[in-house]
Amino acid sequence: MSTAKTFFITGVSSGFGHALARAAIEAGHRVIGTLRNEKDRQRFEVEYLSRPGQAHGVLLDVTDFDAVPRIVAEVEQKIGPVDVLVNNAGYGHEGIFEESGMDELKRQFDVNVFGAVAMMKAFVPYMRQRRRGHLINITSMGGFITMPGIAFYCGSKFALEGISETLHKELQGFNIAVTAVAPGSFRTDWAGRSMTRSPRSIADYDELFEPIRESRMARSGKQPGDPAKAAQAILKLVQSAHPPAHLLLGSDALGLVRGKLEQFDASLTEWEALTRSTDG
């Protein structure tokens, strides 16, 4: 138990959050998990009654930005120092850009970006004072690549990737690691009940988007990625002496990201002369 850590994981009721909480507790770590209603909080703690002191449920919606610092202060004072923050809470929005409203964009960023930032801003002072800690942001391969119909989602994950990478550079001198973990397609509720979908209204996009939407819905629950294996990968990441700033999970993510990098490099070469022409 000398390597046991205290994890704070947002969104532990399902998906990656639930899988990681279970794996961490079974490995002997302590987990403080956020849930958005009392019924789920009680269910989370009851699930681990046989491991007293290892599972603590906390009522918190990450978009309640005023509550976040208070909750974090209470956790640090009453439960103890947090070693690893995992920003897992998030959801997917699917919709053609022209058909999707600004309110949907705001909600997507409130949860996927601003909620994660609020959590990090609350925990970083404690970790900086202790000169140790690890911030893990669950992003997506959609934070590197893009696909038609998920512009708002990709935008939120690109934003979180950029914030994570910058924070990695700011905090490494304090022995605080920051890793953006980008999963590919996994068997979670992302494309199922957790996804919000804008209604279709413009026929011009039917040929492009209808097959994509139908395929995504048909594949929900049949994706290649196993959340339990993702959880084990994250536990290995946490034990690393030198965690990376970015970690992809899943062979599909690896292939798609490598393909984009190759295309990007080819484009840089094609347009290099024009790029250089602006130097004074």
Protein backbone atom coordinates (compact mmCIF):
# COMPACT_ATOMS: atom_id res chain seq x y z
CA MET A 1 0.00 0.00 0.00
CA SER A 2 3.03 2.31 0.02
CA THR A 3 2.17 3.35 -3.54
CA ALA A 4 -1.53 3.86 -2.78
CA LYS A 5 -2.88 7.19 -4.00
CA THR A 6 -6.00 9.27 -3.50
CA PHE A 7 -7.92 9.85 -6.73
CA PHE A 8 -10.57 12.49 -7.31
CA ILE A 9 -12.60 11.40 -10.35
CA THR A 10 -15.44 13.41 -11.82
CA GLY A 11 -18.41 11.50 -13.20
CA VAL A 12 -18.09 8.01 -11.70
CA SER A 13 -21.65 6.82 -12.33
CA SER A 14 -20.85 5.24 -15.70
CA GLY A 15 -18.34 4.87 -18.53
CA PHE A 16 -14.66 5.58 -18.02
CA GLY A 17 -15.26 7.16 -14.62
CA HIS A 18 -16.96 4.08 -13.20
CA ALA A 19 -14.41 1.70 -14.72
CA LEU A 20 -11.48 3.73 -13.41
CA ALA A 21 -12.98 4.09 -9.93
CA ARG A 22 -13.48 0.33 -9.71
CA ALA A 23 -9.97 -0.47 -10.97
CA ALA A 24 -8.34 2.05 -8.65
CA ILE A 25 -10.21 0.79 -5.57
CA GLU A 26 -9.44 -2.84 -6.41
CA ALA A 27 -5.76 -1.85 -6.75
CA GLY A 28 -5.81 -0.45 -3.20
CA HIS A 29 -6.20 3.23 -3.97
CA ARG A 30 -8.74 5.59 -2.44
CA VAL A 31 -11.31 7.20 -4.74
CA ILE A 32 -13.40 10.30 -4.25
CA GLY A 33 -15.96 10.33 -7.02
CA THR A 34 -18.45 13.00 -8.06
CA LEU A 35 -22.06 12.21 -8.82
CA ARG A 36 -24.96 14.51 -9.64
CA ASN A 37 -27.69 13.03 -7.44
CA GLU A 38 -27.97 11.48 -4.00
CA LYS A 39 -29.26 8.14 -5.26
CA ASP A 40 -26.16 7.61 -7.40
CA ARG A 41 -23.90 8.82 -4.59
CA GLN A 42 -25.30 6.25 -2.17
CA ARG A 43 -25.11 3.51 -4.80
CA PHE A 44 -21.43 4.31 -5.41
CA GLU A 45 -20.53 4.05 -1.72
CA VAL A 46 -22.63 0.91 -1.16
CA GLU A 47 -20.86 -0.78 -4.07
CA TYR A 48 -17.62 -0.69 -2.06
CA LEU A 49 -18.85 -1.31 1.48
CA SER A 50 -16.43 -4.23 1.69
CA ARG A 51 -13.55 -1.75 1.29
CA PRO A 52 -14.15 0.78 4.10
CA GLY A 53 -12.58 4.18 3.61
CA GLN A 54 -11.70 3.62 -0.03
CA ALA A 55 -14.81 5.01 -1.75
CA HIS A 56 -16.24 8.46 -1.06
CA GLY A 57 -19.11 9.86 -3.12
CA VAL A 58 -19.45 13.63 -3.47
CA LEU A 59 -22.47 15.46 -4.84
CA LEU A 60 -21.22 17.87 -7.50
CA ASP A 61 -22.16 19.13 -10.93
CA VAL A 62 -18.91 20.36 -12.49
CA THR A 63 -20.78 23.28 -14.07
CA ASP A 64 -21.62 24.63 -10.60
CA PHE A 65 -18.48 26.73 -10.71
CA ASP A 66 -19.14 28.44 -7.37
CA ALA A 67 -19.43 25.09 -5.57
CA VAL A 68 -16.24 23.55 -6.95
CA PRO A 69 -13.69 25.40 -4.73
CA ARG A 70 -15.79 24.74 -1.62
CA ILE A 71 -16.14 21.03 -2.36
CA VAL A 72 -12.42 20.68 -3.10
CA ALA A 73 -11.49 22.49 0.13
CA GLU A 74 -13.78 20.18 2.13
CA VAL A 75 -12.25 17.10 0.49
CA GLU A 76 -8.70 18.24 1.19
CA GLN A 77 -9.50 19.06 4.81
CA LYS A 78 -11.80 16.17 5.76
CA ILE A 79 -10.63 13.26 3.58
CA GLY A 80 -7.05 14.16 2.84
CA PRO A 81 -4.64 15.32 0.13
CA VAL A 82 -5.60 14.35 -3.41
CA ASP A 83 -2.78 12.91 -5.51
CA VAL A 84 -4.58 12.48 -8.82
CA LEU A 85 -7.39 14.55 -10.33
CA VAL A 86 -9.17 12.87 -13.23
CA ASN A 87 -11.44 15.18 -15.21
CA ASN A 88 -13.70 12.56 -16.71
CA ALA A 89 -17.12 14.23 -16.62
CA GLY A 90 -18.27 15.13 -20.10
CA TYR A 91 -20.64 14.25 -22.90
CA GLY A 92 -20.90 14.28 -26.65
CA HIS A 93 -22.95 16.58 -28.83
CA GLU A 94 -23.79 15.47 -32.35
CA GLY A 95 -25.16 17.85 -34.94
CA ILE A 96 -24.35 19.57 -38.20
CA PHE A 97 -22.76 22.95 -37.41
CA GLU A 98 -25.42 24.94 -39.28
CA GLU A 99 -28.21 23.07 -37.52
CA SER A 100 -26.82 23.39 -33.99
CA GLY A 101 -27.66 26.28 -31.68
CA MET A 102 -25.44 28.52 -29.60
CA ASP A 103 -27.06 27.23 -26.42
CA GLU A 104 -25.87 23.73 -27.34
CA LEU A 105 -22.35 25.04 -27.91
CA LYS A 106 -22.34 26.81 -24.55
CA ARG A 107 -23.52 23.72 -22.69
CA GLN A 108 -20.89 21.57 -24.43
CA PHE A 109 -18.07 23.90 -23.37
CA ASP A 110 -19.50 24.43 -19.87
CA VAL A 111 -19.23 20.71 -19.15
CA ASN A 112 -16.28 19.54 -21.25
CA VAL A 113 -13.99 22.57 -20.86
CA PHE A 114 -15.01 25.03 -18.16
CA GLY A 115 -15.96 22.30 -15.70
CA ALA A 116 -12.56 20.65 -16.11
CA VAL A 117 -10.79 24.01 -15.80
CA ALA A 118 -12.73 24.83 -12.62
CA MET A 119 -11.64 21.53 -11.08
CA MET A 120 -7.98 22.11 -11.99
CA LYS A 121 -8.00 25.68 -10.72
CA ALA A 122 -9.34 24.41 -7.38
CA PHE A 123 -6.78 21.60 -7.00
CA VAL A 124 -3.62 23.15 -8.45
CA PRO A 125 -2.85 25.41 -5.43
CA TYR A 126 -2.89 22.39 -3.09
CA MET A 127 -0.71 20.31 -5.41
CA ARG A 128 1.70 23.20 -5.99
CA GLN A 129 2.15 23.71 -2.25
CA ARG A 130 2.83 19.98 -1.81
CA ARG A 131 5.08 19.90 -4.91
CA ARG A 132 3.39 16.78 -6.22
CA GLY A 133 0.30 15.66 -8.09
CA HIS A 134 -1.10 14.50 -11.40
CA LEU A 135 -3.87 16.12 -13.42
CA ILE A 136 -5.49 13.83 -16.00
CA ASN A 137 -7.95 15.23 -18.51
CA ILE A 138 -10.01 12.72 -20.46
CA THR A 139 -10.19 14.29 -23.91
CA SER A 140 -10.77 12.29 -27.09
CA MET A 141 -9.20 11.38 -30.40
CA GLY A 142 -11.68 14.11 -31.43
CA GLY A 143 -9.24 16.51 -29.80
CA PHE A 144 -6.78 15.68 -32.63
CA ILE A 145 -8.94 14.60 -35.56
CA THR A 146 -12.33 15.82 -36.73
CA MET A 147 -15.40 14.19 -38.23
CA PRO A 148 -18.52 15.74 -39.80
CA GLY A 149 -21.32 16.29 -37.32
CA ILE A 150 -19.39 16.73 -34.08
CA ALA A 151 -17.94 20.24 -34.49
CA PHE A 152 -18.94 21.40 -31.01
CA TYR A 153 -17.60 18.25 -29.37
CA CYS A 154 -14.30 18.35 -31.26
CA GLY A 155 -13.97 22.05 -30.48
CA SER A 156 -14.36 21.37 -26.76
CA LYS A 157 -11.78 18.57 -26.81
CA PHE A 158 -9.30 20.59 -28.91
CA ALA A 159 -9.65 23.33 -26.28
CA LEU A 160 -9.03 20.96 -23.38
CA GLU A 161 -6.02 19.45 -25.17
CA GLY A 162 -4.50 22.92 -25.60
CA ILE A 163 -5.12 23.90 -21.99
CA SER A 164 -3.67 20.60 -20.77
CA GLU A 165 -0.50 20.88 -22.84
CA THR A 166 0.11 24.45 -21.69
CA LEU A 167 -0.50 23.55 -18.05
CA HIS A 168 1.91 20.62 -18.44
CA LYS A 169 4.64 23.17 -19.23
CA GLU A 170 3.64 25.52 -16.41
CA LEU A 171 3.49 22.91 -13.65
CA GLN A 172 6.30 20.48 -14.45
CA GLY A 173 8.72 22.53 -12.33
CA PHE A 174 6.52 21.81 -9.29
CA ASN A 175 6.59 18.03 -9.85
CA ILE A 176 2.97 18.11 -11.06
CA ALA A 177 2.24 16.06 -14.17
CA VAL A 178 -0.53 16.96 -16.59
CA THR A 179 -1.71 14.37 -19.11
CA ALA A 180 -4.44 14.62 -21.72
CA VAL A 181 -5.74 11.08 -22.22
CA ALA A 182 -7.43 10.77 -25.61
CA PRO A 183 -9.53 7.63 -26.09
CA GLY A 184 -10.70 6.33 -29.43
CA SER A 185 -13.99 4.44 -29.77
CA PHE A 186 -14.85 2.63 -26.52
CA ARG A 187 -17.87 0.74 -25.28
CA THR A 188 -19.24 3.55 -23.10
CA ASP A 189 -22.51 5.51 -23.27
CA TRP A 190 -20.86 8.30 -25.29
CA ALA A 191 -22.75 7.52 -28.51
CA GLY A 192 -25.81 6.25 -26.65
CA ARG A 193 -27.80 7.79 -23.83
CA SER A 194 -25.05 10.28 -22.93
CA MET A 195 -25.06 11.97 -26.34
CA THR A 196 -27.28 14.91 -27.21
CA ARG A 197 -28.34 15.20 -30.85
CA SER A 198 -29.50 18.30 -32.67
CA PRO A 199 -32.56 17.66 -34.84
CA ARG A 200 -32.08 17.59 -38.59
CA SER A 201 -33.51 20.48 -40.59
CA ILE A 202 -31.44 21.12 -43.75
CA ALA A 203 -31.78 18.53 -46.51
CA ASP A 204 -28.55 19.62 -48.21
CA TYR A 205 -26.61 17.71 -45.52
CA ASP A 206 -28.58 14.45 -45.79
CA GLU A 207 -26.20 12.67 -48.15
CA LEU A 208 -23.16 13.52 -46.05
CA PHE A 209 -24.48 13.12 -42.55
CA GLU A 210 -27.30 10.59 -42.41
CA PRO A 211 -24.98 7.59 -43.03
CA ILE A 212 -22.61 8.90 -40.34
CA ARG A 213 -25.38 9.30 -37.77
CA GLU A 214 -26.86 5.88 -38.56
CA SER A 215 -23.47 4.18 -38.37
CA ARG A 216 -22.60 5.83 -35.07
CA MET A 217 -25.88 4.76 -33.49
CA ALA A 218 -25.55 1.22 -34.86
CA ARG A 219 -22.01 0.85 -33.46
CA SER A 220 -22.91 2.10 -29.99
CA GLY A 221 -21.95 -0.62 -27.53
CA LYS A 222 -19.93 -2.50 -30.16
CA GLN A 223 -16.85 -0.27 -30.31
CA PRO A 224 -13.43 -1.94 -30.12
CA GLY A 225 -12.28 -0.25 -26.91
CA ASP A 226 -12.76 -1.91 -23.51
CA PRO A 227 -13.27 0.62 -20.66
CA ALA A 228 -11.80 -1.82 -18.11
CA LYS A 229 -8.55 -2.00 -20.12
CA ALA A 230 -8.54 1.79 -20.43
CA ALA A 231 -8.76 1.99 -16.64
CA GLN A 232 -5.75 -0.31 -16.26
CA ALA A 233 -3.82 1.82 -18.75
CA ILE A 234 -4.56 4.95 -16.73
CA LEU A 235 -3.38 3.25 -13.54
CA LYS A 236 -0.09 2.41 -15.30
CA LEU A 237 0.14 6.03 -16.44
CA VAL A 238 -0.27 7.28 -12.88
CA GLN A 239 2.55 5.03 -11.66
CA SER A 240 4.95 6.31 -14.35
CA ALA A 241 7.91 8.38 -13.20
CA HIS A 242 7.66 10.57 -16.30
CA PRO A 243 4.05 10.70 -17.55
CA PRO A 244 3.54 12.07 -21.08
CA ALA A 245 1.64 15.26 -21.88
CA HIS A 246 -0.58 13.26 -24.27
CA LEU A 247 -1.66 9.62 -24.27
CA LEU A 248 -3.86 8.00 -26.91
CA LEU A 249 -5.96 4.97 -25.98
CA GLY A 250 -7.03 2.52 -28.67
CA SER A 251 -5.55 1.34 -31.95
CA ASP A 252 -8.22 3.24 -33.90
CA ALA A 253 -7.15 6.51 -32.27
CA LEU A 254 -3.51 5.75 -33.01
CA GLY A 255 -4.19 5.04 -36.68
CA LEU A 256 -6.40 8.06 -37.23
CA VAL A 257 -4.08 10.49 -35.46
CA ARG A 258 -1.02 9.18 -37.30
CA GLY A 259 -2.91 9.53 -40.57
CA LYS A 260 -3.78 13.13 -39.82
CA LEU A 261 -0.19 13.96 -38.88
CA GLU A 262 1.02 12.51 -42.18
CA GLN A 263 -1.53 14.56 -44.13
CA PHE A 264 -0.64 17.69 -42.16
CA ASP A 265 3.07 17.21 -42.82
CA ALA A 266 2.37 16.79 -46.55
CA SER A 267 0.30 19.98 -46.54
CA LEU A 268 3.09 21.88 -44.75
CA THR A 269 5.51 20.80 -47.45
CA GLU A 270 3.12 21.67 -50.27
CA TRP A 271 2.56 25.19 -48.98
CA GLU A 272 6.02 25.77 -47.46
CA ALA A 273 7.09 28.40 -50.02
CA LEU A 274 4.01 30.54 -49.37
CA THR A 275 4.43 30.06 -45.63
CA ARG A 276 8.01 31.34 -45.76
CA SER A 277 7.17 34.19 -48.11
CA THR A 278 5.82 36.32 -45.25
CA ASP A 279 9.16 36.67 -43.45
CA GLY A 280 10.52 40.22 -43.54
